[in-house]
C-alpha atoms as a PDB file:
ATOM      1  CA  UNK A   1      -4.858  -0.410 -29.899  1.00  0.00           C
ATOM      2  CA  UNK A   2      -7.467  -0.111 -27.253  1.00  0.00           C
ATOM      3  CA  UNK A   3      -8.134   1.875 -24.026  1.00  0.00           C
ATOM      4  CA  UNK A   4      -8.463  -1.278 -22.487  1.00  0.00           C
ATOM      5  CA  UNK A   5      -5.505  -2.696 -20.529  1.00  0.00           C
ATOM      6  CA  UNK A   6      -4.409  -6.086 -20.752  1.00  0.00           C
ATOM      7  CA  UNK A   7      -3.505  -8.172 -17.711  1.00  0.00           C
ATOM      8  CA  UNK A   8       0.348  -7.712 -18.183  1.00  0.00           C
ATOM      9  CA  UNK A   9      -0.282  -4.170 -19.103  1.00  0.00           C
ATOM     10  CA  UNK A  10      -1.044  -3.303 -15.953  1.00  0.00           C
ATOM     11  CA  UNK A  11       1.394  -5.707 -13.798  1.00  0.00           C
ATOM     12  CA  UNK A  12       4.271  -3.971 -15.957  1.00  0.00           C
ATOM     13  CA  UNK A  13       2.945  -0.281 -15.337  1.00  0.00           C
ATOM     14  CA  UNK A  14       1.666   0.041 -12.118  1.00  0.00           C
ATOM     15  CA  UNK A  15       4.126   2.599 -10.486  1.00  0.00           C
ATOM     16  CA  UNK A  16       3.879   3.460  -6.736  1.00  0.00           C
ATOM     17  CA  UNK A  17       1.594   6.555  -7.086  1.00  0.00           C
ATOM     18  CA  UNK A  18       2.606   9.007  -4.448  1.00  0.00           C
ATOM     19  CA  UNK A  19       1.128  12.267  -5.319  1.00  0.00           C
ATOM     20  CA  UNK A  20      -2.407  12.429  -5.928  1.00  0.00           C
ATOM     21  CA  UNK A  21      -5.386  14.789  -6.404  1.00  0.00           C
ATOM     22  CA  UNK A  22      -7.656  15.680  -4.019  1.00  0.00           C
ATOM     23  CA  UNK A  23     -10.839  14.896  -6.439  1.00  0.00           C
ATOM     24  CA  UNK A  24     -13.396  12.451  -4.968  1.00  0.00           C
ATOM     25  CA  UNK A  25     -13.610   8.532  -5.933  1.00  0.00           C
ATOM     26  CA  UNK A  26     -17.022   8.183  -6.553  1.00  0.00           C
ATOM     27  CA  UNK A  27     -17.984   5.336  -3.649  1.00  0.00           C
ATOM     28  CA  UNK A  28     -18.824   2.506  -6.145  1.00  0.00           C
ATOM     29  CA  UNK A  29     -15.533   2.928  -7.528  1.00  0.00           C
ATOM     30  CA  UNK A  30     -14.129   2.208  -4.138  1.00  0.00           C
ATOM     31  CA  UNK A  31     -16.606  -0.889  -3.820  1.00  0.00           C
ATOM     32  CA  UNK A  32     -15.352  -2.299  -7.303  1.00  0.00           C
ATOM     33  CA  UNK A  33     -11.760  -2.086  -5.695  1.00  0.00           C
ATOM     34  CA  UNK A  34     -12.448  -3.907  -2.754  1.00  0.00           C
ATOM     35  CA  UNK A  35     -14.686  -6.596  -4.464  1.00  0.00           C
ATOM     36  CA  UNK A  36     -11.303  -7.248  -6.908  1.00  0.00           C
ATOM     37  CA  UNK A  37      -9.327  -7.377  -3.605  1.00  0.00           C
ATOM     38  CA  UNK A  38     -11.209 -10.385  -2.618  1.00  0.00           C
ATOM     39  CA  UNK A  39     -11.110 -12.677  -5.597  1.00  0.00           C
ATOM     40  CA  UNK A  40      -7.361 -13.276  -4.251  1.00  0.00           C
ATOM     41  CA  UNK A  41      -6.639 -16.521  -2.979  1.00  0.00           C
ATOM     42  CA  UNK A  42      -7.040 -17.268   0.840  1.00  0.00           C
ATOM     43  CA  UNK A  43      -5.293 -19.412   3.058  1.00  0.00           C
ATOM     44  CA  UNK A  44      -7.706 -22.627   3.751  1.00  0.00           C
ATOM     45  CA  UNK A  45     -10.101 -20.067   1.964  1.00  0.00           C
ATOM     46  CA  UNK A  46     -11.035 -18.782   5.411  1.00  0.00           C
ATOM     47  CA  UNK A  47     -11.382 -15.101   3.966  1.00  0.00           C
ATOM     48  CA  UNK A  48     -10.336 -13.564   7.207  1.00  0.00           C
ATOM     49  CA  UNK A  49      -9.759 -10.019   5.222  1.00  0.00           C
ATOM     50  CA  UNK A  50     -11.541  -7.313   6.140  1.00  0.00           C
ATOM     51  CA  UNK A  51     -11.169  -3.424   4.739  1.00  0.00           C
ATOM     52  CA  UNK A  52     -11.799  -0.259   6.111  1.00  0.00           C
ATOM     53  CA  UNK A  53     -12.141   2.932   3.854  1.00  0.00           C
ATOM     54  CA  UNK A  54     -11.505   6.076   5.138  1.00  0.00           C
ATOM     55  CA  UNK A  55     -13.321   8.892   3.579  1.00  0.00           C
ATOM     56  CA  UNK A  56     -14.091  11.046   6.839  1.00  0.00           C
ATOM     57  CA  UNK A  57     -12.061  14.194   6.928  1.00  0.00           C
ATOM     58  CA  UNK A  58     -10.966  14.123  10.255  1.00  0.00           C
ATOM     59  CA  UNK A  59     -10.508  10.229  10.320  1.00  0.00           C
ATOM     60  CA  UNK A  60      -8.107  10.933   7.276  1.00  0.00           C
ATOM     61  CA  UNK A  61      -6.274  14.018   9.427  1.00  0.00           C
ATOM     62  CA  UNK A  62      -5.397  11.455  12.394  1.00  0.00           C
ATOM     63  CA  UNK A  63      -4.227   8.539  10.235  1.00  0.00           C
ATOM     64  CA  UNK A  64      -2.084  11.368   7.973  1.00  0.00           C
ATOM     65  CA  UNK A  65      -0.824  12.777  11.431  1.00  0.00           C
ATOM     66  CA  UNK A  66       0.721   9.309  12.630  1.00  0.00           C
ATOM     67  CA  UNK A  67       1.895   8.365   8.991  1.00  0.00           C
ATOM     68  CA  UNK A  68       3.643  11.591   8.698  1.00  0.00           C
ATOM     69  CA  UNK A  69       5.513  11.293  12.509  1.00  0.00           C
ATOM     70  CA  UNK A  70       6.485   7.781  10.934  1.00  0.00           C
ATOM     71  CA  UNK A  71       7.854   9.589   7.710  1.00  0.00           C
ATOM     72  CA  UNK A  72       9.879  11.934   9.471  1.00  0.00           C
ATOM     73  CA  UNK A  73      11.480   9.326  11.699  1.00  0.00           C
ATOM     74  CA  UNK A  74      12.332   7.297   8.913  1.00  0.00           C
ATOM     75  CA  UNK A  75      13.717   9.778   6.914  1.00  0.00           C
ATOM     76  CA  UNK A  76      15.391  12.559   9.576  1.00  0.00           C
ATOM     77  CA  UNK A  77      18.724  12.440  11.127  1.00  0.00           C
ATOM     78  CA  UNK A  78      19.957   8.821  12.300  1.00  0.00           C
ATOM     79  CA  UNK A  79      17.711   7.279   9.606  1.00  0.00           C
ATOM     80  CA  UNK A  80      19.132   4.270   8.022  1.00  0.00           C
ATOM     81  CA  UNK A  81      17.304   5.045   4.714  1.00  0.00           C
ATOM     82  CA  UNK A  82      19.908   3.971   2.080  1.00  0.00           C
ATOM     83  CA  UNK A  83      20.575   7.055  -0.095  1.00  0.00           C
ATOM     84  CA  UNK A  84      21.187   4.818  -3.068  1.00  0.00           C
ATOM     85  CA  UNK A  85      20.963   1.217  -4.168  1.00  0.00           C
ATOM     86  CA  UNK A  86      22.721  -0.843  -6.915  1.00  0.00           C
ATOM     87  CA  UNK A  87      20.070  -0.841  -8.909  1.00  0.00           C
ATOM     88  CA  UNK A  88      18.806   2.850  -8.071  1.00  0.00           C
ATOM     89  CA  UNK A  89      21.087   5.561  -7.911  1.00  0.00           C
ATOM     90  CA  UNK A  90      21.190   8.293  -5.461  1.00  0.00           C
ATOM     91  CA  UNK A  91      19.331  10.754  -8.059  1.00  0.00           C
ATOM     92  CA  UNK A  92      16.054   8.336  -8.079  1.00  0.00           C
ATOM     93  CA  UNK A  93      16.336   7.568  -4.409  1.00  0.00           C
ATOM     94  CA  UNK A  94      15.785  11.393  -3.758  1.00  0.00           C
ATOM     95  CA  UNK A  95      13.052  11.767  -6.422  1.00  0.00           C
ATOM     96  CA  UNK A  96      11.519   8.837  -4.295  1.00  0.00           C
ATOM     97  CA  UNK A  97      11.926  10.416  -0.904  1.00  0.00           C
ATOM     98  CA  UNK A  98      10.580  13.822  -1.996  1.00  0.00           C
ATOM     99  CA  UNK A  99       7.141  12.165  -3.795  1.00  0.00           C
ATOM    100  CA  UNK A 100       7.438  10.134  -0.155  1.00  0.00           C
ATOM    101  CA  UNK A 101       7.730  13.536   1.913  1.00  0.00           C
ATOM    102  CA  UNK A 102       5.187  14.781  -0.361  1.00  0.00           C
ATOM    103  CA  UNK A 103       2.484  12.271   0.391  1.00  0.00           C
ATOM    104  CA  UNK A 104       3.088  12.528   3.946  1.00  0.00           C
ATOM    105  CA  UNK A 105       2.264  16.253   3.820  1.00  0.00           C
ATOM    106  CA  UNK A 106      -1.065  15.413   1.820  1.00  0.00           C
ATOM    107  CA  UNK A 107      -2.456  12.406   2.578  1.00  0.00           C
ATOM    108  CA  UNK A 108      -4.913  13.894   4.649  1.00  0.00           C
ATOM    109  CA  UNK A 109      -6.699  15.853   1.276  1.00  0.00           C
ATOM    110  CA  UNK A 110      -6.658  12.362  -0.435  1.00  0.00           C
ATOM    111  CA  UNK A 111     -10.039  11.262  -1.369  1.00  0.00           C
ATOM    112  CA  UNK A 112      -9.867   7.827   0.583  1.00  0.00           C
ATOM    113  CA  UNK A 113      -7.254   5.561   2.452  1.00  0.00           C
ATOM    114  CA  UNK A 114      -7.925   2.392   2.359  1.00  0.00           C
ATOM    115  CA  UNK A 115      -6.836  -0.071   5.252  1.00  0.00           C
ATOM    116  CA  UNK A 116      -6.598  -3.764   4.513  1.00  0.00           C
ATOM    117  CA  UNK A 117      -7.044  -5.798   7.933  1.00  0.00           C
ATOM    118  CA  UNK A 118      -6.744  -9.695   9.401  1.00  0.00           C
ATOM    119  CA  UNK A 119      -9.322 -10.922  12.093  1.00  0.00           C
ATOM    120  CA  UNK A 120      -7.166 -13.189  13.745  1.00  0.00           C
ATOM    121  CA  UNK A 121      -8.585 -16.943  14.884  1.00  0.00           C
ATOM    122  CA  UNK A 122      -6.038 -16.895  17.675  1.00  0.00           C
ATOM    123  CA  UNK A 123      -3.473 -15.399  19.767  1.00  0.00           C
ATOM    124  CA  UNK A 124      -2.028 -12.703  18.270  1.00  0.00           C
ATOM    125  CA  UNK A 125       1.631 -13.819  17.521  1.00  0.00           C
ATOM    126  CA  UNK A 126       4.959 -11.426  17.298  1.00  0.00           C
ATOM    127  CA  UNK A 127       6.010 -13.213  14.033  1.00  0.00           C
ATOM    128  CA  UNK A 128       2.612 -11.856  12.547  1.00  0.00           C
ATOM    129  CA  UNK A 129       3.313  -8.400  13.012  1.00  0.00           C
ATOM    130  CA  UNK A 130       6.752  -8.952  11.520  1.00  0.00           C
ATOM    131  CA  UNK A 131       4.889 -10.279   8.199  1.00  0.00           C
ATOM    132  CA  UNK A 132       6.421 -13.772   8.319  1.00  0.00           C
ATOM    133  CA  UNK A 133       3.063 -15.324   9.413  1.00  0.00           C
ATOM    134  CA  UNK A 134      -0.593 -15.165   7.936  1.00  0.00           C
ATOM    135  CA  UNK A 135       0.213 -12.331   5.683  1.00  0.00           C
ATOM    136  CA  UNK A 136      -0.303 -15.215   2.652  1.00  0.00           C
ATOM    137  CA  UNK A 137      -3.921 -14.564   3.454  1.00  0.00           C
ATOM    138  CA  UNK A 138      -3.862 -10.779   2.443  1.00  0.00           C
ATOM    139  CA  UNK A 139      -0.887 -10.322   0.713  1.00  0.00           C
ATOM    140  CA  UNK A 140      -2.567 -11.178  -2.886  1.00  0.00           C
ATOM    141  CA  UNK A 141      -5.519  -9.300  -2.202  1.00  0.00           C
ATOM    142  CA  UNK A 142      -3.646  -6.023  -1.669  1.00  0.00           C
ATOM    143  CA  UNK A 143      -1.944  -6.577  -4.515  1.00  0.00           C
ATOM    144  CA  UNK A 144      -5.264  -7.621  -6.657  1.00  0.00           C
ATOM    145  CA  UNK A 145      -6.424  -4.252  -4.948  1.00  0.00           C
ATOM    146  CA  UNK A 146      -3.627  -1.960  -6.640  1.00  0.00           C
ATOM    147  CA  UNK A 147      -3.950  -3.771  -9.974  1.00  0.00           C
ATOM    148  CA  UNK A 148      -7.643  -2.957 -10.053  1.00  0.00           C
ATOM    149  CA  UNK A 149      -6.873   0.591  -9.217  1.00  0.00           C
ATOM    150  CA  UNK A 150      -4.426   0.994 -11.806  1.00  0.00           C
ATOM    151  CA  UNK A 151      -7.117  -0.822 -14.667  1.00  0.00           C
ATOM    152  CA  UNK A 152      -9.261   1.630 -13.500  1.00  0.00           C
ATOM    153  CA  UNK A 153      -6.560   4.567 -13.472  1.00  0.00           C
ATOM    154  CA  UNK A 154      -6.262   5.658 -10.124  1.00  0.00           C
ATOM    155  CA  UNK A 155      -3.236   5.856  -8.330  1.00  0.00           C
ATOM    156  CA  UNK A 156      -2.391   4.094  -5.118  1.00  0.00           C
ATOM    157  CA  UNK A 157       0.652   3.040  -3.477  1.00  0.00           C
ATOM    158  CA  UNK A 158       1.016   0.838   0.019  1.00  0.00           C
ATOM    159  CA  UNK A 159       2.711   2.158   2.529  1.00  0.00           C
ATOM    160  CA  UNK A 160       3.551   0.295   6.799  1.00  0.00           C
ATOM    161  CA  UNK A 161       5.246   2.977   7.966  1.00  0.00           C
ATOM    162  CA  UNK A 162       1.756   4.694   9.553  1.00  0.00           C
ATOM    163  CA  UNK A 163       1.324   1.562  11.463  1.00  0.00           C
ATOM    164  CA  UNK A 164       4.801   2.433  13.604  1.00  0.00           C
ATOM    165  CA  UNK A 165       2.653   3.604  16.500  1.00  0.00           C
ATOM    166  CA  UNK A 166       0.056   0.463  16.104  1.00  0.00           C
ATOM    167  CA  UNK A 167      -1.770   1.295  19.485  1.00  0.00           C
ATOM    168  CA  UNK A 168      -2.528   4.673  18.045  1.00  0.00           C
ATOM    169  CA  UNK A 169      -3.217   3.454  14.678  1.00  0.00           C
ATOM    170  CA  UNK A 170      -5.542   0.980  16.471  1.00  0.00           C
ATOM    171  CA  UNK A 171      -7.183   3.774  18.437  1.00  0.00           C
ATOM    172  CA  UNK A 172      -8.035   6.095  15.855  1.00  0.00           C
ATOM    173  CA  UNK A 173     -10.087   2.792  13.693  1.00  0.00           C
ATOM    174  CA  UNK A 174     -11.375   1.498  16.937  1.00  0.00           C
ATOM    175  CA  UNK A 175      -9.786  -1.886  15.953  1.00  0.00           C
ATOM    176  CA  UNK A 176     -11.296  -4.825  17.934  1.00  0.00           C
ATOM    177  CA  UNK A 177      -8.517  -7.044  19.596  1.00  0.00           C
ATOM    178  CA  UNK A 178      -8.842 -10.128  17.133  1.00  0.00           C
ATOM    179  CA  UNK A 179      -8.649  -7.309  13.822  1.00  0.00           C
ATOM    180  CA  UNK A 180      -4.930  -6.346  12.858  1.00  0.00           C
ATOM    181  CA  UNK A 181      -4.361  -3.741  10.107  1.00  0.00           C
ATOM    182  CA  UNK A 182      -1.786  -4.764   7.510  1.00  0.00           C
ATOM    183  CA  UNK A 183      -1.158  -1.743   5.794  1.00  0.00           C
ATOM    184  CA  UNK A 184      -2.654   1.718   4.315  1.00  0.00           C
ATOM    185  CA  UNK A 185      -3.266   2.429   1.160  1.00  0.00           C
ATOM    186  CA  UNK A 186      -4.007   5.866  -0.042  1.00  0.00           C
ATOM    187  CA  UNK A 187      -5.949   6.135  -3.301  1.00  0.00           C
ATOM    188  CA  UNK A 188      -6.942   8.397  -5.827  1.00  0.00           C
ATOM    189  CA  UNK A 189      -6.746   9.891  -9.292  1.00  0.00           C
ATOM    190  CA  UNK A 190      -2.807  10.807  -9.994  1.00  0.00           C
ATOM    191  CA  UNK A 191      -0.774  14.024 -10.499  1.00  0.00           C
ATOM    192  CA  UNK A 192       1.767  12.411 -12.119  1.00  0.00           C
ATOM    193  CA  UNK A 193       1.604   9.737 -15.448  1.00  0.00           C
ATOM    194  CA  UNK A 194       1.658   5.985 -15.330  1.00  0.00           C
ATOM    195  CA  UNK A 195       4.485   4.501 -16.918  1.00  0.00           C
ATOM    196  CA  UNK A 196       6.456   1.075 -16.426  1.00  0.00           C
ATOM    197  CA  UNK A 197       7.969  -0.038 -13.332  1.00  0.00           C
ATOM    198  CA  UNK A 198      11.779   0.140 -13.011  1.00  0.00           C
ATOM    199  CA  UNK A 199      13.402  -3.438 -11.844  1.00  0.00           C
ATOM    200  CA  UNK A 200      15.994  -5.200 -11.801  1.00  0.00           C
ATOM    201  CA  UNK A 201      16.477  -7.573 -14.869  1.00  0.00           C
ATOM    202  CA  UNK A 202      14.614 -11.282 -14.101  1.00  0.00           C
ATOM    203  CA  UNK A 203      17.814 -12.792 -15.314  1.00  0.00           C
ATOM    204  CA  UNK A 204      19.640 -11.191 -11.735  1.00  0.00           C
ATOM    205  CA  UNK A 205      16.743 -13.118  -9.678  1.00  0.00           C
ATOM    206  CA  UNK A 206      15.878 -16.032 -10.908  1.00  0.00           C
ATOM    207  CA  UNK A 207      17.560 -19.662 -10.524  1.00  0.00           C
ATOM    208  CA  UNK A 208      16.641 -22.794 -11.553  1.00  0.00           C
ATOM    209  CA  UNK A 209      16.318 -25.789  -9.217  1.00  0.00           C
ATOM    210  CA  UNK A 210      18.750 -24.638  -6.351  1.00  0.00           C
ATOM    211  CA  UNK A 211      20.923 -21.694  -5.127  1.00  0.00           C
ATOM    212  CA  UNK A 212      23.892 -22.470  -7.004  1.00  0.00           C
END
């Protein structure tokens, strides 16, 4: 057995790693992540993506605070977050919640926060903000980045909660009106161990030819 991971090893073992070390990640490694990301397909090959890698401590603190506020609203009293799911019992949901809260309290310490963006070519549509339009030109690249991070031994976990206060988020990054942030991906060396992801069996989600 070699240390090199196969494509399927990477896909089957890319957990959301929310607990990360503060240890620095070399700039050339971060560039390699983005370079892998942009190998993904892009709608009409427009390639209108942009990537902001935040390493400055003050910038990280501002973004982390926006994320912390969003997480507090998502998990606080009155939250509609499910305490358990058919495929995830209450104990697992609680562990996931604790990891989310830990991430929120420590995000400013992570070595890098990557923000994938799209440069819009026309008027901004509400459907885009809801994730129903144009996302096909960025989400494959986001997944490429996540898989590349796993292959390089880095932990990552994308979140959209930090975008809850979109105007404030845009202001921190000084984004022009034509550029929309899509998600937030903290990156660093993991405190936990990599392992297989837990998913519903394929037989439960696969249908042939029609729904029924």
